């Protein structure tokens, strides 16, 4: 039986380990490119460009996502029970109450967004409200509130910046190897070595960056499960909610790959595979594994 605090500490520790290796990949790629170009200016440009591109998406991510899903705000009079659930959870967690929105989707699902706890947003589908019991709704809301409290939006933005840096740097180096000057050495042999290195970086570095991004995302889901269960003191309610969410066959009309990682469960019904390669690139841990861990928790 796992202790809630121990699991939470374990997930936080593993997330930081992943981030360390992620940063190591970025630094390694940057060093290789700088070494052969004999200049660091390109790396600086890549870093500035990656941060600039992602700064906009971080600052306006909540507005963009809400517009994509055509979510509407929920006031206290619209759904007093749901509003009170979130209000009570926010007080218990010591967090500002997030804005509450609803999506007109039959599939039971939910997600959180917002750049910080003061600008937090929780979005639930109509299907979630219709199909879950009160304790299960509370558990799902606690999970999403945990994402806000754990600063997962900020972390995911930082990870996206790192991925963007890797992709930009390797793409430039790949093009430079074919069309630019030779770099160190200046002869055809050196040119050939650079092309081989550039090709390897262009293929492997972005893949490794994506794998690390997905691994961090999965750990944050486990952490939100544990944190949410700690907030409600009722891990079985979240396990039950995840079972209902996963077993519901309804399609999400507005689901897309760019936003799938936001949801508490994969919105693409019928596409969840258990092959190890799929798990490697998945943003969500298998539902069965999450349910098992929740039911092994003791308070």
Protein backbone atom coordinates (compact mmCIF):
# COMPACT_ATOMS: atom_id res chain seq x y z
CA UNK A 1 0.00 0.00 0.00
CA UNK A 2 1.37 3.40 -1.01
CA UNK A 3 1.21 6.46 1.18
CA UNK A 4 -0.22 9.59 -0.50
CA UNK A 5 2.66 11.79 0.61
CA UNK A 6 5.25 9.24 -0.52
CA UNK A 7 3.68 8.95 -3.98
CA UNK A 8 3.48 12.72 -4.31
CA UNK A 9 7.15 13.12 -3.35
CA UNK A 10 8.11 10.33 -5.76
CA UNK A 11 6.31 11.96 -8.69
CA UNK A 12 7.82 15.37 -7.95
CA UNK A 13 11.30 13.84 -7.69
CA UNK A 14 10.92 11.94 -10.97
CA UNK A 15 9.64 15.06 -12.73
CA UNK A 16 12.76 16.98 -11.71
CA UNK A 17 14.96 14.09 -12.84
CA UNK A 18 13.27 14.18 -16.25
CA UNK A 19 13.73 17.95 -16.43
CA UNK A 20 17.42 17.57 -15.58
CA UNK A 21 17.96 15.12 -18.44
CA UNK A 22 15.84 17.31 -20.71
CA UNK A 23 18.06 20.33 -19.96
CA UNK A 24 21.10 18.09 -20.51
CA UNK A 25 19.82 17.24 -24.01
CA UNK A 26 19.31 20.92 -24.83
CA UNK A 27 22.76 21.91 -23.53
CA UNK A 28 24.37 18.97 -25.33
CA UNK A 29 22.76 19.84 -28.66
CA UNK A 30 23.69 23.49 -28.23
CA UNK A 31 27.31 22.64 -27.38
CA UNK A 32 27.72 20.38 -30.44
CA UNK A 33 26.32 23.01 -32.78
CA UNK A 34 28.37 25.82 -31.23
CA UNK A 35 31.53 23.69 -31.39
CA UNK A 36 31.25 23.06 -35.10
CA UNK A 37 30.04 26.53 -36.01
CA UNK A 38 32.69 28.15 -33.80
CA UNK A 39 30.01 30.62 -32.70
CA UNK A 40 27.33 30.79 -30.06
CA UNK A 41 25.26 33.53 -31.72
CA UNK A 42 23.02 31.04 -33.52
CA UNK A 43 22.20 29.25 -30.28
CA UNK A 44 21.33 32.56 -28.63
CA UNK A 45 19.03 33.43 -31.54
CA UNK A 46 17.36 30.01 -31.31
CA UNK A 47 16.80 30.39 -27.56
CA UNK A 48 15.33 33.89 -27.92
CA UNK A 49 13.08 32.79 -30.78
CA UNK A 50 11.83 29.69 -28.94
CA UNK A 51 11.06 31.68 -25.78
CA UNK A 52 9.35 34.45 -27.74
CA UNK A 53 7.14 32.05 -29.67
CA UNK A 54 6.06 30.23 -26.53
CA UNK A 55 5.64 33.34 -24.37
CA UNK A 56 2.55 34.32 -26.34
CA UNK A 57 0.97 30.87 -26.05
CA UNK A 58 1.68 30.79 -22.30
CA UNK A 59 0.26 34.25 -21.62
CA UNK A 60 -2.87 33.73 -23.71
CA UNK A 61 -3.24 29.94 -23.52
CA UNK A 62 -6.45 30.02 -21.47
CA UNK A 63 -8.21 32.42 -23.86
CA UNK A 64 -7.08 30.45 -26.90
CA UNK A 65 -8.23 27.09 -25.51
CA UNK A 66 -11.57 28.43 -24.27
CA UNK A 67 -12.25 29.84 -27.71
CA UNK A 68 -11.28 26.58 -29.43
CA UNK A 69 -13.75 24.60 -27.32
CA UNK A 70 -16.40 27.33 -27.26
CA UNK A 71 -16.60 26.96 -23.48
CA UNK A 72 -19.07 29.12 -21.57
CA UNK A 73 -18.59 30.47 -18.02
CA UNK A 74 -20.59 28.93 -15.16
CA UNK A 75 -21.90 31.36 -12.57
CA UNK A 76 -23.15 30.34 -9.13
CA UNK A 77 -26.78 30.54 -10.23
CA UNK A 78 -26.18 28.29 -13.26
CA UNK A 79 -25.06 25.26 -11.25
CA UNK A 80 -24.94 26.02 -7.49
CA UNK A 81 -23.79 22.53 -6.48
CA UNK A 82 -20.85 22.39 -8.90
CA UNK A 83 -19.89 25.96 -8.02
CA UNK A 84 -19.94 25.19 -4.29
CA UNK A 85 -17.84 22.04 -4.82
CA UNK A 86 -15.08 24.07 -6.47
CA UNK A 87 -15.43 26.89 -3.95
CA UNK A 88 -15.00 24.51 -1.00
CA UNK A 89 -12.07 22.70 -2.62
CA UNK A 90 -10.32 26.01 -3.32
CA UNK A 91 -10.71 27.08 0.31
CA UNK A 92 -9.39 23.72 1.51
CA UNK A 93 -6.42 23.90 -0.87
CA UNK A 94 -5.70 27.54 0.03
CA UNK A 95 -5.96 28.62 -3.62
CA UNK A 96 -7.91 31.38 -5.35
CA UNK A 97 -11.10 29.97 -6.84
CA UNK A 98 -10.55 29.30 -10.56
CA UNK A 99 -13.02 30.46 -13.18
CA UNK A 100 -15.43 27.64 -14.02
CA UNK A 101 -16.45 26.87 -17.61
CA UNK A 102 -18.59 24.25 -19.35
CA UNK A 103 -18.22 22.61 -22.77
CA UNK A 104 -21.27 21.33 -24.60
CA UNK A 105 -19.82 17.84 -25.13
CA UNK A 106 -21.43 14.49 -24.30
CA UNK A 107 -18.11 12.87 -23.40
CA UNK A 108 -17.33 13.11 -19.66
CA UNK A 109 -14.02 14.95 -19.36
CA UNK A 110 -12.36 18.01 -17.83
CA UNK A 111 -9.18 20.07 -17.96
CA UNK A 112 -7.45 22.99 -16.27
CA UNK A 113 -5.61 25.90 -17.82
CA UNK A 114 -4.39 29.37 -16.88
CA UNK A 115 -0.89 30.77 -16.43
CA UNK A 116 -0.95 30.81 -12.60
CA UNK A 117 -3.32 30.10 -9.67
CA UNK A 118 -4.69 33.67 -9.81
CA UNK A 119 -5.74 33.11 -13.42
CA UNK A 120 -6.75 29.45 -13.12
CA UNK A 121 -9.56 28.03 -15.24
CA UNK A 122 -11.30 24.67 -14.91
CA UNK A 123 -13.43 23.41 -17.78
CA UNK A 124 -15.87 20.50 -17.49
CA UNK A 125 -18.04 18.90 -20.14
CA UNK A 126 -21.79 18.55 -19.86
CA UNK A 127 -21.26 14.81 -20.04
CA UNK A 128 -19.16 14.91 -16.88
CA UNK A 129 -21.91 16.72 -14.97
CA UNK A 130 -24.58 14.34 -16.26
CA UNK A 131 -22.77 11.06 -15.59
CA UNK A 132 -20.83 11.43 -12.36
CA UNK A 133 -22.00 11.31 -8.77
CA UNK A 134 -21.28 14.28 -6.52
CA UNK A 135 -18.27 12.65 -4.84
CA UNK A 136 -16.85 11.73 -8.25
CA UNK A 137 -17.35 15.28 -9.56
CA UNK A 138 -15.58 16.58 -6.48
CA UNK A 139 -12.68 14.18 -7.10
CA UNK A 140 -12.30 15.30 -10.73
CA UNK A 141 -12.43 18.97 -9.72
CA UNK A 142 -9.79 18.30 -7.05
CA UNK A 143 -7.55 16.67 -9.68
CA UNK A 144 -7.83 19.72 -11.93
CA UNK A 145 -7.32 22.11 -9.02
CA UNK A 146 -4.17 20.14 -8.17
CA UNK A 147 -2.83 20.86 -11.68
CA UNK A 148 -3.30 24.57 -11.00
CA UNK A 149 -1.80 24.37 -7.51
CA UNK A 150 1.17 22.34 -8.76
CA UNK A 151 1.91 24.96 -11.45
CA UNK A 152 1.65 22.34 -14.17
CA UNK A 153 0.69 24.92 -16.81
CA UNK A 154 3.91 26.82 -16.08
CA UNK A 155 5.93 23.60 -16.14
CA UNK A 156 4.39 22.42 -19.42
CA UNK A 157 5.15 25.82 -20.97
CA UNK A 158 8.79 25.55 -19.87
CA UNK A 159 8.96 22.08 -21.38
CA UNK A 160 7.46 23.33 -24.65
CA UNK A 161 10.13 26.04 -24.74
CA UNK A 162 12.85 23.41 -24.32
CA UNK A 163 11.35 21.24 -27.07
CA UNK A 164 11.10 24.29 -29.33
CA UNK A 165 14.74 25.12 -28.70
CA UNK A 166 15.84 21.60 -29.63
CA UNK A 167 13.77 21.56 -32.81
CA UNK A 168 14.91 25.02 -33.93
CA UNK A 169 18.59 24.34 -33.22
CA UNK A 170 18.68 20.93 -34.90
CA UNK A 171 16.71 22.18 -37.91
CA UNK A 172 19.12 25.07 -38.39
CA UNK A 173 22.18 22.85 -37.97
CA UNK A 174 20.80 20.33 -40.47
CA UNK A 175 20.26 23.04 -43.09
CA UNK A 176 23.59 24.69 -42.32
CA UNK A 177 25.48 21.40 -42.72
CA UNK A 178 24.29 21.14 -46.32
CA UNK A 179 24.26 24.78 -47.39
CA UNK A 180 26.60 26.64 -45.02
CA UNK A 181 30.34 26.76 -44.54
CA UNK A 182 32.17 23.69 -43.37
CA UNK A 183 32.95 24.78 -39.80
CA UNK A 184 35.96 23.28 -38.01
CA UNK A 185 38.55 21.83 -40.33
CA UNK A 186 37.19 23.24 -43.57
CA UNK A 187 37.82 20.12 -45.72
CA UNK A 188 35.44 17.63 -47.33
CA UNK A 189 36.04 15.02 -44.63
CA UNK A 190 35.03 17.49 -41.94
CA UNK A 191 32.01 18.44 -44.03
CA UNK A 192 30.96 14.78 -44.19
CA UNK A 193 31.29 14.33 -40.42
CA UNK A 194 29.19 17.42 -39.81
CA UNK A 195 26.48 16.18 -42.17
CA UNK A 196 26.32 12.82 -40.37
CA UNK A 197 26.12 14.54 -36.97
CA UNK A 198 23.52 17.00 -38.27
CA UNK A 199 21.39 14.17 -39.67
CA UNK A 200 21.59 12.24 -36.40
CA UNK A 201 20.66 15.33 -34.38
CA UNK A 202 17.83 16.26 -36.76
CA UNK A 203 16.27 12.81 -36.34
CA UNK A 204 17.09 11.79 -32.76
CA UNK A 205 17.15 15.02 -30.74
CA UNK A 206 13.53 16.10 -31.45
CA UNK A 207 12.33 12.54 -30.79
CA UNK A 208 14.16 12.41 -27.47
CA UNK A 209 12.78 15.84 -26.59
CA UNK A 210 9.22 14.70 -27.32
CA UNK A 211 9.68 11.52 -25.28
CA UNK A 212 10.91 13.56 -22.31
CA UNK A 213 7.98 15.97 -22.73
CA UNK A 214 5.48 13.10 -22.67
CA UNK A 215 7.18 11.45 -19.69
CA UNK A 216 6.96 14.67 -17.67
CA UNK A 217 3.29 15.05 -18.64
CA UNK A 218 2.51 11.52 -17.43
CA UNK A 219 4.24 12.12 -14.10
CA UNK A 220 2.25 15.29 -13.58
CA UNK A 221 -0.97 13.32 -14.13
CA UNK A 222 0.05 10.85 -11.42
CA UNK A 223 0.94 13.79 -9.16
CA UNK A 224 -2.44 15.46 -9.79
CA UNK A 225 -4.19 12.17 -9.00
CA UNK A 226 -2.34 11.88 -5.68
CA UNK A 227 -2.74 15.58 -4.83
CA UNK A 228 -6.45 15.51 -5.69
CA UNK A 229 -7.00 12.40 -3.58
CA UNK A 230 -5.14 14.08 -0.71
CA UNK A 231 -7.41 17.11 -1.01
CA UNK A 232 -10.68 15.12 -0.88
CA UNK A 233 -9.36 12.29 1.34
CA UNK A 234 -11.30 9.96 -0.95
CA UNK A 235 -9.08 8.31 -3.64
CA UNK A 236 -11.81 5.75 -4.44
CA UNK A 237 -14.04 8.55 -5.76
CA UNK A 238 -11.43 9.56 -8.35
CA UNK A 239 -10.80 5.91 -9.27
CA UNK A 240 -14.54 5.46 -9.82
CA UNK A 241 -14.74 8.68 -11.86
CA UNK A 242 -11.85 7.58 -14.09
CA UNK A 243 -13.58 4.24 -14.69
CA UNK A 244 -16.76 5.98 -15.82
CA UNK A 245 -14.85 8.46 -17.97
CA UNK A 246 -12.80 5.74 -19.66
CA UNK A 247 -15.77 3.42 -20.28
CA UNK A 248 -17.96 6.08 -21.85
CA UNK A 249 -18.00 5.65 -25.66
CA UNK A 250 -19.01 9.23 -26.53
CA UNK A 251 -16.77 11.05 -29.00
CA UNK A 252 -15.53 14.55 -28.35
CA UNK A 253 -16.37 16.62 -31.39
CA UNK A 254 -13.70 19.27 -30.81
CA UNK A 255 -10.88 16.95 -29.73
CA UNK A 256 -7.50 17.53 -31.39
CA UNK A 257 -3.92 16.40 -30.87
CA UNK A 258 -2.71 19.85 -29.81
CA UNK A 259 -5.02 19.98 -26.77
CA UNK A 260 -5.49 16.29 -25.90
CA UNK A 261 -2.82 16.46 -23.15
CA UNK A 262 -4.90 18.99 -21.20
CA UNK A 263 -7.72 16.61 -20.33
CA UNK A 264 -7.98 14.35 -17.31
CA UNK A 265 -8.34 11.42 -19.74
CA UNK A 266 -7.51 10.95 -23.41
CA UNK A 267 -10.43 12.47 -25.37
CA UNK A 268 -9.86 10.15 -28.33
CA UNK A 269 -12.12 7.20 -27.57
CA UNK A 270 -11.18 3.87 -29.13
CA UNK A 271 -7.60 4.98 -29.84
CA UNK A 272 -6.03 4.12 -26.51
CA UNK A 273 -3.50 1.38 -27.20
CA UNK A 274 -1.36 -0.48 -24.73
CA UNK A 275 1.69 -1.13 -26.90
CA UNK A 276 4.90 0.04 -25.26
CA UNK A 277 5.67 2.40 -28.16
CA UNK A 278 2.30 4.09 -27.79
CA UNK A 279 2.83 4.45 -24.04
CA UNK A 280 6.22 6.02 -24.70
CA UNK A 281 4.68 8.87 -26.71
CA UNK A 282 1.43 9.13 -24.74
CA UNK A 283 0.69 12.24 -22.67
CA UNK A 284 -1.51 10.23 -20.27
CA UNK A 285 -0.65 7.17 -18.19
CA UNK A 286 -2.97 4.19 -18.84
CA UNK A 287 -6.26 4.67 -17.00
CA UNK A 288 -5.99 1.18 -15.53
CA UNK A 289 -2.60 2.02 -13.99
CA UNK A 290 -3.93 5.27 -12.50
CA UNK A 291 -6.94 3.49 -11.01
CA UNK A 292 -4.73 0.77 -9.53
CA UNK A 293 -2.42 3.34 -7.93
CA UNK A 294 -5.37 5.25 -6.48
CA UNK A 295 -6.86 2.12 -4.96
CA UNK A 296 -3.51 1.20 -3.43
CA UNK A 297 -3.25 4.55 -1.68
CA UNK A 298 -3.84 4.77 2.05
CA UNK A 299 -4.66 7.93 3.95
